[in-house]
Protein backbone atom coordinates (compact mmCIF):
# COMPACT_ATOMS: atom_id res chain seq x y z
CA GLU A 1 -28.40 72.13 -78.80
CA GLU A 2 -28.42 68.53 -80.05
CA LEU A 3 -24.85 68.05 -78.79
CA GLN A 4 -25.78 69.69 -75.50
CA THR A 5 -28.82 67.44 -75.20
CA GLU A 6 -26.76 64.36 -76.11
CA TYR A 7 -24.10 65.31 -73.57
CA GLU A 8 -26.67 65.85 -70.84
CA THR A 9 -28.31 62.53 -71.72
CA VAL A 10 -24.96 60.73 -71.46
CA GLN A 11 -24.28 62.42 -68.10
CA LYS A 12 -27.67 61.38 -66.74
CA GLU A 13 -27.14 57.79 -67.89
CA LYS A 14 -23.77 57.77 -66.14
CA GLN A 15 -25.40 59.16 -63.00
CA ILE A 16 -28.09 56.48 -63.22
CA GLU A 17 -25.45 53.74 -63.65
CA LEU A 18 -23.46 55.15 -60.75
CA GLN A 19 -26.58 55.23 -58.61
CA GLU A 20 -27.44 51.66 -59.57
CA LEU A 21 -23.86 50.61 -58.73
CA ARG A 22 -24.16 52.26 -55.34
CA LEU A 23 -27.50 50.51 -54.76
CA ASP A 24 -25.92 47.15 -55.70
CA GLN A 25 -23.01 47.79 -53.32
CA ALA A 26 -25.42 48.71 -50.54
CA ALA A 27 -27.43 45.56 -51.23
CA ASN A 28 -24.25 43.45 -51.16
CA GLN A 29 -23.15 45.05 -47.90
CA LYS A 30 -26.59 44.35 -46.44
CA ARG A 31 -26.45 40.71 -47.54
CA THR A 32 -22.92 40.38 -46.15
CA PHE A 33 -23.99 41.91 -42.85
CA LEU A 34 -27.02 39.59 -42.64
CA LEU A 35 -24.77 36.61 -43.41
CA PHE A 36 -22.36 37.74 -40.70
CA LEU A 37 -25.21 38.08 -38.21
CA THR A 38 -26.45 34.62 -39.19
CA LEU A 39 -23.01 33.06 -38.73
CA LEU A 40 -22.53 34.93 -35.46
CA GLY A 41 -25.89 33.66 -34.23
CA LEU A 42 -25.03 30.12 -35.21
CA SER A 43 -21.65 30.41 -33.49
CA LEU A 44 -23.22 31.79 -30.33
CA PHE A 45 -25.84 29.05 -30.42
CA SER A 46 -23.15 26.39 -30.86
CA ALA A 47 -21.05 27.91 -28.06
CA ILE A 48 -24.05 28.00 -25.73
CA GLY A 49 -24.85 24.39 -26.63
CA PHE A 50 -21.25 23.36 -26.07
CA LEU A 51 -21.10 25.14 -22.70
CA TYR A 52 -24.41 23.59 -21.71
CA ASN A 53 -23.25 20.10 -22.65
CA LYS A 54 -19.93 20.68 -20.92
CA SER A 55 -21.69 21.88 -17.79
CA LYS A 56 -24.01 18.88 -17.96
CA ASN A 57 -21.08 16.50 -18.43
CA ASN A 58 -19.23 18.17 -15.56
CA ARG A 59 -22.25 17.69 -13.34
CA ILE A 60 -22.45 14.02 -14.37
CA LEU A 61 -18.71 13.57 -13.81
CA GLY A 62 -19.02 15.34 -10.47
CA LEU A 63 -21.82 13.01 -9.41
CA GLN A 64 -19.85 9.97 -10.57
CA LYS A 65 -16.75 11.22 -8.72
CA ASP A 66 -18.80 11.74 -5.55
CA GLN A 67 -20.23 8.22 -5.89
CA ILE A 68 -16.74 6.72 -6.40
CA GLU A 69 -15.32 8.64 -3.42
CA LYS A 70 -18.27 7.54 -1.31
CA ALA A 71 -17.75 3.91 -2.35
CA LEU A 72 -14.01 4.14 -1.59
CA ASN A 73 -14.69 5.69 1.81
CA GLU A 74 -17.19 2.93 2.58
CA LYS A 75 -14.61 0.34 1.47
CA ASP A 76 -11.95 1.92 3.71
CA ILE A 77 -14.34 1.93 6.65
CA LEU A 78 -15.23 -1.70 5.99
CA LEU A 79 -11.56 -2.74 5.75
CA ARG A 80 -10.71 -0.87 8.95
CA GLU A 81 -13.61 -2.56 10.69
CA ILE A 82 -12.47 -5.98 9.45
CA HIS A 83 -8.87 -5.42 10.62
CA HIS A 84 -10.14 -4.05 13.92
CA ARG A 85 -12.35 -7.10 14.53
CA VAL A 86 -9.61 -9.53 13.51
CA LYS A 87 -7.19 -7.75 15.86
CA ASN A 88 -9.73 -7.90 18.70
CA ASN A 89 -10.45 -11.58 18.07
CA LEU A 90 -6.74 -12.40 18.07
CA GLN A 91 -6.29 -10.45 21.29
CA VAL A 92 -9.14 -12.45 22.84
CA ILE A 93 -7.36 -15.68 21.82
CA SER A 94 -4.11 -14.35 23.29
CA SER A 95 -5.89 -13.49 26.54
CA LEU A 96 -7.46 -16.94 26.69
CA LEU A 97 -4.03 -18.55 26.26
CA SER A 98 -2.64 -16.36 29.04
CA LEU A 99 -5.55 -17.27 31.27
CA GLN A 100 -5.15 -20.95 30.51
CA SER A 101 -1.44 -20.85 31.38
CA ARG A 102 -2.34 -19.82 34.94
CA TYR A 103 -4.15 -23.10 35.52
CA THR A 104 -1.24 -25.42 34.80
CA ASP A 105 1.86 -26.37 36.72
CA ASP A 106 3.39 -28.30 33.84
CA PRO A 107 6.34 -26.27 32.46
CA SER A 108 6.03 -27.84 29.00
CA ILE A 109 2.36 -26.89 28.75
CA GLU A 110 3.05 -23.41 30.04
CA LYS A 111 5.85 -23.05 27.48
CA ALA A 112 3.59 -24.21 24.63
CA LEU A 113 0.85 -21.79 25.67
CA ARG A 114 3.26 -18.87 25.82
CA GLU A 115 4.68 -19.70 22.40
CA GLY A 116 1.16 -19.94 21.00
CA LYS A 117 0.35 -16.58 22.54
CA ASN A 118 3.42 -15.01 20.92
CA ARG A 119 2.42 -16.39 17.52
CA VAL A 120 -1.07 -14.98 17.89
CA LYS A 121 0.38 -11.67 19.03
CA SER A 122 2.62 -11.47 15.94
CA MET A 123 -0.48 -11.72 13.72
CA SER A 124 -2.49 -9.33 15.88
CA LEU A 125 0.18 -6.65 15.43
CA ILE A 126 -0.24 -6.84 11.65
CA HIS A 127 -3.96 -6.07 11.81
CA GLN A 128 -3.35 -3.44 14.45
CA ASN A 129 -0.93 -1.68 12.09
CA LEU A 130 -3.37 -1.92 9.19
CA TYR A 131 -6.20 -0.55 11.30
CA GLN A 132 -4.16 2.45 12.45
CA LYS A 133 -2.50 3.33 9.13
CA GLU A 134 -3.93 5.08 6.08
CA ASN A 135 -2.66 2.23 3.91
CA LEU A 136 -5.09 -0.61 4.62
CA THR A 137 -3.38 -3.26 2.49
CA GLY A 138 0.33 -2.87 3.27
CA VAL A 139 2.38 -3.14 6.46
CA ASP A 140 5.48 -1.06 7.13
CA ALA A 141 8.12 -3.74 7.78
CA ARG A 142 10.36 -1.64 10.05
CA ASP A 143 7.49 -0.49 12.27
CA TYR A 144 6.02 -3.98 12.46
CA PHE A 145 9.22 -5.77 13.48
CA THR A 146 10.03 -3.08 16.04
CA LYS A 147 6.70 -3.71 17.74
CA LEU A 148 7.06 -7.48 17.39
CA PHE A 149 10.42 -7.48 19.18
CA GLN A 150 9.08 -5.25 21.93
CA SER A 151 6.26 -7.75 22.43
CA LEU A 152 8.68 -10.73 22.52
CA PHE A 153 11.03 -9.01 24.98
CA SER A 154 8.04 -8.29 27.21
CA SER A 155 6.79 -11.88 26.94
CA TYR A 156 10.17 -13.33 28.01
CA ASN A 157 10.86 -10.59 30.56
CA ILE A 158 14.03 -9.53 28.75
CA HIS A 159 15.44 -6.11 29.55
CA PRO A 160 16.45 -4.29 26.34
CA GLU A 161 19.79 -3.37 27.93
CA HIS A 162 20.52 -7.02 28.74
CA ILE A 163 19.97 -8.33 25.22
CA LYS A 164 20.17 -5.65 22.58
CA MET A 165 18.28 -5.68 19.32
CA GLU A 166 19.78 -4.32 16.10
CA LEU A 167 17.52 -3.75 13.09
CA GLU A 168 18.46 -3.23 9.45
CA ILE A 169 15.02 -3.11 7.86
CA SER A 170 14.35 -1.57 4.44
CA ASP A 171 11.73 1.11 4.06
CA ILE A 172 9.28 -1.30 2.44
CA ASN A 173 5.56 -2.04 2.71
CA LEU A 174 4.57 -5.69 2.37
CA ASP A 175 1.10 -7.10 1.83
CA VAL A 176 -0.61 -9.27 4.44
CA ASP A 177 0.05 -12.55 2.61
CA THR A 178 3.78 -11.78 2.75
CA ILE A 179 4.20 -10.19 6.16
CA VAL A 180 2.24 -12.87 8.07
CA PRO A 181 4.53 -15.84 7.21
CA ILE A 182 7.70 -13.71 7.51
CA GLY A 183 6.51 -12.36 10.85
CA LEU A 184 5.74 -15.84 12.18
CA MET A 185 9.10 -17.20 11.04
CA VAL A 186 11.00 -14.29 12.61
CA ASN A 187 8.91 -14.76 15.75
CA GLU A 188 10.12 -18.38 15.98
CA MET A 189 13.76 -17.49 15.30
CA VAL A 190 13.93 -14.61 17.77
CA SER A 191 12.05 -16.63 20.41
CA ASN A 192 14.61 -19.43 20.09
CA SER A 193 17.45 -16.92 20.50
CA LEU A 194 15.84 -15.41 23.59
CA LYS A 195 15.24 -18.85 25.10
CA TYR A 196 18.45 -20.70 24.28
CA ALA A 197 21.21 -18.44 22.95
CA PHE A 198 22.05 -16.61 26.18
CA PRO A 199 22.01 -18.98 29.18
CA ASN A 200 22.87 -17.91 32.73
CA ASN A 201 21.78 -14.30 32.13
CA GLN A 202 24.43 -13.89 29.49
CA GLU A 203 24.27 -10.55 27.70
CA GLY A 204 24.09 -10.51 23.94
CA LEU A 205 22.87 -9.08 20.67
CA ILE A 206 20.21 -10.17 18.19
CA LYS A 207 20.41 -8.65 14.73
CA ILE A 208 17.65 -8.64 12.13
CA VAL A 209 18.20 -7.77 8.47
CA LEU A 210 15.44 -7.45 5.88
CA GLN A 211 16.57 -5.91 2.59
CA GLU A 212 15.29 -6.07 -0.96
CA GLU A 213 18.05 -7.14 -3.33
CA ASN A 214 17.81 -8.19 -6.99
CA ASN A 215 14.02 -8.75 -6.83
CA MET A 216 14.41 -10.87 -3.69
CA LEU A 217 13.97 -10.26 0.03
CA HIS A 218 17.14 -10.99 1.99
CA LEU A 219 16.25 -11.98 5.57
CA VAL A 220 18.82 -12.59 8.29
CA VAL A 221 18.23 -13.40 11.96
CA GLN A 222 21.53 -13.57 13.82
CA ASP A 223 22.64 -13.69 17.45
CA ASN A 224 26.04 -13.81 19.18
CA GLY A 225 25.00 -16.45 21.69
CA ILE A 226 26.30 -19.94 22.34
CA GLY A 227 25.25 -21.23 18.91
CA ILE A 228 23.77 -24.56 17.87
CA GLU A 229 25.77 -27.70 18.56
CA ASP A 230 24.50 -29.71 15.57
CA VAL A 231 23.02 -27.63 12.76
CA THR A 232 22.32 -30.72 10.63
CA ALA A 233 20.05 -32.11 13.36
CA LEU A 234 17.61 -29.25 12.76
CA GLY A 235 16.59 -30.82 9.47
CA ASN A 236 15.26 -33.84 11.38
CA SER A 237 13.57 -31.72 14.03
CA LYS A 238 9.88 -32.47 14.59
CA SER A 239 9.18 -29.35 16.65
CA PHE A 240 6.14 -27.28 15.79
CA GLY A 241 8.24 -24.15 15.31
CA TYR A 242 10.60 -25.73 12.79
CA THR A 243 7.68 -27.35 10.95
CA LEU A 244 6.03 -23.92 10.78
CA ILE A 245 9.18 -22.38 9.30
CA GLU A 246 9.51 -25.14 6.68
CA THR A 247 5.87 -24.64 5.65
CA PHE A 248 6.34 -20.92 5.13
CA ILE A 249 9.62 -21.45 3.26
CA ASP A 250 7.65 -23.41 0.66
CA LYS A 251 4.92 -20.76 0.55
CA LEU A 252 7.41 -17.92 0.03
CA ASP A 253 9.58 -19.88 -2.43
CA ALA A 254 12.58 -19.26 -0.18
CA ASP A 255 15.81 -21.01 0.66
CA MET A 256 17.32 -21.16 4.15
CA ASN A 257 20.89 -21.46 5.32
CA ILE A 258 21.84 -21.95 8.99
CA SER A 259 25.34 -21.49 10.35
CA SER A 260 26.67 -21.64 13.92
CA ALA A 261 29.88 -19.70 14.17
CA ASN A 262 30.12 -17.04 16.86
CA GLY A 263 26.44 -17.55 17.51
CA THR A 264 23.59 -18.61 15.23
CA ARG A 265 22.89 -17.09 11.84
CA ILE A 266 19.78 -17.97 9.83
CA GLU A 267 19.69 -16.51 6.34
CA MET A 268 16.85 -16.65 3.82
CA ARG A 269 16.31 -15.42 0.30
CA ILE A 270 12.61 -14.97 -0.43
CA ASN A 271 11.42 -15.00 -4.04
CA ASN A 272 7.63 -14.96 -3.65
CA TYR A 273 6.60 -11.69 -2.01
CA ASN A 274 4.40 -8.70 -2.77
CA LYS A 275 5.01 -5.05 -2.01
CA VAL A 276 2.35 -2.39 -1.54
CA ALA A 277 2.95 1.17 -2.70
């Protein structure tokens, strides 16, 4: 009986220990589950906070982007308006010169007024191009010179089949500070060819080259007309056109070479120029 009682006592103690172990395991599982819920809650709270801050930042960035786009649109509108007004003002000056030429019988005065009108027109075309294009700071060289030559041919009443124009212009956009002096110089050179290179209704060809080579602009204005009798005399010329060309040569850091074989060839290499993407 004592052994039986001792055995039963031992069995009960083991059952009690087993029950206590199970209670401890249950308590540990409960604590682990509560810890998991706590961490999950913290994670969800952090995620919600992150998403809220991200959404807030996105709204701020969106507002800033809208403000920047609005400012850029206003700038574009302002630049277009400026180019449009400059173009209109230059056209008014051109019209005034045309009107003035009707009230003179002096050929030299009429000639000077027409040349002045052509110079103004060459600048007006630049602002006209800028006003019409999406790029408000750069001028497409090929398009600009095509329109410039059409204007000069019209001014001198030259039929395009009588004197042909050949263009080799790079696909390049130049800024206003570059295209204005180059345009005015080419205006002078082509005008001289149209006036003097083909006397007695002689047919001919005027060729224009503008290529970018080795970080320089290579400009050539060439005709197959009668040529220049004394090229060295040009250096002593006091004409307004030649003075204008010399001024822009200094501005563009360019050199000029003139030859008169089988016509007149004026070649320049321009170092100071700016492109626009």
